[in-house]
Amino acid sequence: MRRALALTDRQMTFVRRGAAMLPVHRRDAFLRAIADRLIGEPTDSAVIEAVNLGLDAAAVVDGIKEAV
């Protein structure tokens, strides 16, 4: 069972903007990846980091990013 996650309006804006950058078929995995990284009532910094990591992972899956 998944745990509850409480996000502020500002944090939801970060998540929505991140999801909007992705094709629709990638958004579910992106949102699940964010939820897996966050616990309870996360800070803005934690949400931003989770969004960025989710976008990075989506970019790698789509072959947009090159291996470093």
N, C-alpha and C. Protein backbone atom coordinates (compact mmCIF):
# COMPACT_ATOMS: atom_id res chain seq x y z
N MET A 1 0.84 -1.18 0.00
CA MET A 1 0.00 0.00 0.00
C MET A 1 0.89 1.25 0.00
N ARG A 2 0.54 2.21 -0.82
CA ARG A 2 1.29 3.46 -0.90
C ARG A 2 0.94 4.35 0.28
N ARG A 3 1.92 5.12 0.71
CA ARG A 3 1.71 6.05 1.82
C ARG A 3 1.18 7.38 1.30
N ALA A 4 0.56 8.12 2.17
CA ALA A 4 0.03 9.43 1.80
C ALA A 4 1.18 10.42 1.61
N LEU A 5 1.00 11.33 0.69
CA LEU A 5 2.00 12.34 0.40
C LEU A 5 1.30 13.69 0.39
N ALA A 6 1.77 14.60 1.21
CA ALA A 6 1.14 15.93 1.32
C ALA A 6 2.03 16.96 0.64
N LEU A 7 1.55 17.53 -0.46
CA LEU A 7 2.30 18.56 -1.18
C LEU A 7 1.57 19.89 -1.08
N THR A 8 2.33 20.96 -1.00
CA THR A 8 1.74 22.30 -1.01
C THR A 8 1.33 22.65 -2.44
N ASP A 9 0.57 23.72 -2.58
CA ASP A 9 0.20 24.19 -3.92
C ASP A 9 1.44 24.49 -4.75
N ARG A 10 2.42 25.12 -4.13
CA ARG A 10 3.67 25.46 -4.82
C ARG A 10 4.38 24.18 -5.30
N GLN A 11 4.44 23.18 -4.44
CA GLN A 11 5.09 21.93 -4.81
C GLN A 11 4.33 21.21 -5.93
N MET A 12 3.01 21.26 -5.88
CA MET A 12 2.21 20.67 -6.96
C MET A 12 2.48 21.39 -8.28
N THR A 13 2.73 22.69 -8.22
CA THR A 13 3.07 23.44 -9.43
C THR A 13 4.37 22.92 -10.03
N PHE A 14 5.36 22.65 -9.17
CA PHE A 14 6.64 22.08 -9.66
C PHE A 14 6.38 20.76 -10.37
N VAL A 15 5.58 19.92 -9.75
CA VAL A 15 5.30 18.59 -10.31
C VAL A 15 4.53 18.71 -11.63
N ARG A 16 3.51 19.56 -11.66
CA ARG A 16 2.72 19.74 -12.89
C ARG A 16 3.58 20.27 -14.03
N ARG A 17 4.45 21.22 -13.73
CA ARG A 17 5.31 21.77 -14.78
C ARG A 17 6.28 20.71 -15.30
N GLY A 18 6.80 19.90 -14.40
CA GLY A 18 7.67 18.82 -14.84
C GLY A 18 6.94 17.82 -15.72
N ALA A 19 5.75 17.43 -15.29
CA ALA A 19 4.95 16.47 -16.07
C ALA A 19 4.58 17.04 -17.43
N ALA A 20 4.31 18.33 -17.48
CA ALA A 20 3.91 18.95 -18.75
C ALA A 20 5.02 18.91 -19.79
N MET A 21 6.26 18.76 -19.35
CA MET A 21 7.39 18.70 -20.28
C MET A 21 7.51 17.35 -20.98
N LEU A 22 6.78 16.37 -20.48
CA LEU A 22 6.90 15.01 -20.99
C LEU A 22 5.73 14.63 -21.89
N PRO A 23 5.97 13.68 -22.80
CA PRO A 23 4.85 13.14 -23.57
C PRO A 23 3.90 12.43 -22.60
N VAL A 24 2.64 12.40 -22.94
CA VAL A 24 1.62 11.83 -22.05
C VAL A 24 1.98 10.41 -21.61
N HIS A 25 2.51 9.60 -22.51
CA HIS A 25 2.80 8.20 -22.18
C HIS A 25 3.94 8.05 -21.17
N ARG A 26 4.70 9.09 -20.88
CA ARG A 26 5.80 9.05 -19.91
C ARG A 26 5.40 9.63 -18.54
N ARG A 27 4.26 10.25 -18.45
CA ARG A 27 3.89 10.97 -17.22
C ARG A 27 3.61 10.05 -16.04
N ASP A 28 2.98 8.93 -16.26
CA ASP A 28 2.68 8.02 -15.15
C ASP A 28 3.96 7.57 -14.46
N ALA A 29 4.92 7.12 -15.23
CA ALA A 29 6.20 6.67 -14.66
C ALA A 29 6.91 7.82 -13.95
N PHE A 30 6.84 9.01 -14.52
CA PHE A 30 7.44 10.20 -13.92
C PHE A 30 6.80 10.48 -12.55
N LEU A 31 5.49 10.48 -12.49
CA LEU A 31 4.80 10.77 -11.22
C LEU A 31 5.06 9.69 -10.19
N ARG A 32 5.11 8.45 -10.61
CA ARG A 32 5.42 7.36 -9.68
C ARG A 32 6.84 7.47 -9.15
N ALA A 33 7.78 7.86 -10.01
CA ALA A 33 9.17 8.03 -9.58
C ALA A 33 9.29 9.14 -8.54
N ILE A 34 8.54 10.21 -8.74
CA ILE A 34 8.55 11.30 -7.77
C ILE A 34 7.98 10.82 -6.44
N ALA A 35 6.84 10.16 -6.49
CA ALA A 35 6.20 9.66 -5.26
C ALA A 35 7.10 8.69 -4.51
N ASP A 36 7.85 7.87 -5.24
CA ASP A 36 8.75 6.91 -4.59
C ASP A 36 9.90 7.60 -3.86
N ARG A 37 10.27 8.81 -4.29
CA ARG A 37 11.39 9.53 -3.67
C ARG A 37 10.98 10.40 -2.49
N LEU A 38 9.69 10.68 -2.37
CA LEU A 38 9.23 11.61 -1.35
C LEU A 38 8.47 10.90 -0.24
N ILE A 39 8.56 11.47 0.97
CA ILE A 39 7.91 10.88 2.14
C ILE A 39 7.16 11.98 2.90
N GLY A 40 5.93 11.69 3.28
CA GLY A 40 5.18 12.58 4.16
C GLY A 40 4.96 13.98 3.63
N GLU A 41 5.55 14.96 4.29
CA GLU A 41 5.43 16.36 3.91
C GLU A 41 6.82 16.88 3.51
N PRO A 42 7.23 16.66 2.28
CA PRO A 42 8.58 17.02 1.85
C PRO A 42 8.79 18.52 1.72
N THR A 43 10.04 18.92 1.75
CA THR A 43 10.39 20.32 1.55
C THR A 43 10.32 20.66 0.07
N ASP A 44 10.30 21.95 -0.24
CA ASP A 44 10.34 22.38 -1.64
C ASP A 44 11.58 21.83 -2.33
N SER A 45 12.70 21.88 -1.63
CA SER A 45 13.96 21.39 -2.22
C SER A 45 13.87 19.91 -2.58
N ALA A 46 13.26 19.12 -1.70
CA ALA A 46 13.12 17.69 -1.97
C ALA A 46 12.24 17.44 -3.18
N VAL A 47 11.17 18.22 -3.31
CA VAL A 47 10.27 18.07 -4.47
C VAL A 47 10.98 18.47 -5.75
N ILE A 48 11.70 19.57 -5.72
CA ILE A 48 12.43 20.02 -6.90
C ILE A 48 13.47 18.97 -7.32
N GLU A 49 14.17 18.43 -6.34
CA GLU A 49 15.16 17.39 -6.65
C GLU A 49 14.49 16.15 -7.25
N ALA A 50 13.36 15.74 -6.69
CA ALA A 50 12.65 14.58 -7.21
C ALA A 50 12.15 14.83 -8.64
N VAL A 51 11.64 16.03 -8.90
CA VAL A 51 11.18 16.39 -10.24
C VAL A 51 12.36 16.34 -11.22
N ASN A 52 13.47 16.93 -10.84
CA ASN A 52 14.64 16.94 -11.73
C ASN A 52 15.16 15.54 -11.99
N LEU A 53 15.20 14.70 -10.97
CA LEU A 53 15.64 13.32 -11.16
C LEU A 53 14.66 12.55 -12.05
N GLY A 54 13.38 12.81 -11.88
CA GLY A 54 12.37 12.17 -12.74
C GLY A 54 12.51 12.59 -14.19
N LEU A 55 12.76 13.88 -14.41
CA LEU A 55 12.95 14.37 -15.78
C LEU A 55 14.24 13.81 -16.38
N ASP A 56 15.30 13.72 -15.58
CA ASP A 56 16.55 13.13 -16.06
C ASP A 56 16.35 11.68 -16.46
N ALA A 57 15.63 10.93 -15.63
CA ALA A 57 15.37 9.51 -15.93
C ALA A 57 14.55 9.37 -17.21
N ALA A 58 13.56 10.24 -17.39
CA ALA A 58 12.73 10.19 -18.61
C ALA A 58 13.57 10.52 -19.83
N ALA A 59 14.49 11.46 -19.69
CA ALA A 59 15.35 11.83 -20.81
C ALA A 59 16.26 10.68 -21.22
N VAL A 60 16.77 9.96 -20.24
CA VAL A 60 17.64 8.81 -20.52
C VAL A 60 16.84 7.72 -21.22
N VAL A 61 15.63 7.47 -20.75
CA VAL A 61 14.77 6.45 -21.36
C VAL A 61 14.47 6.80 -22.81
N ASP A 62 14.23 8.07 -23.06
CA ASP A 62 13.92 8.51 -24.42
C ASP A 62 15.16 8.70 -25.28
N GLY A 63 16.35 8.50 -24.70
CA GLY A 63 17.58 8.63 -25.45
C GLY A 63 17.97 10.07 -25.73
N ILE A 64 17.42 11.00 -24.97
CA ILE A 64 17.73 12.41 -25.17
C ILE A 64 19.09 12.74 -24.59
N LYS A 65 19.40 12.18 -23.44
CA LYS A 65 20.68 12.45 -22.77
C LYS A 65 21.70 11.43 -23.20
N GLU A 66 22.91 11.87 -23.31
CA GLU A 66 24.00 10.96 -23.60
C GLU A 66 24.63 10.53 -22.30
N ALA A 67 25.18 9.33 -22.26
CA ALA A 67 25.86 8.85 -21.06
C ALA A 67 27.08 9.73 -20.80
N VAL A 68 27.29 9.99 -19.54
CA VAL A 68 28.42 10.85 -19.14
C VAL A 68 29.59 10.00 -18.75
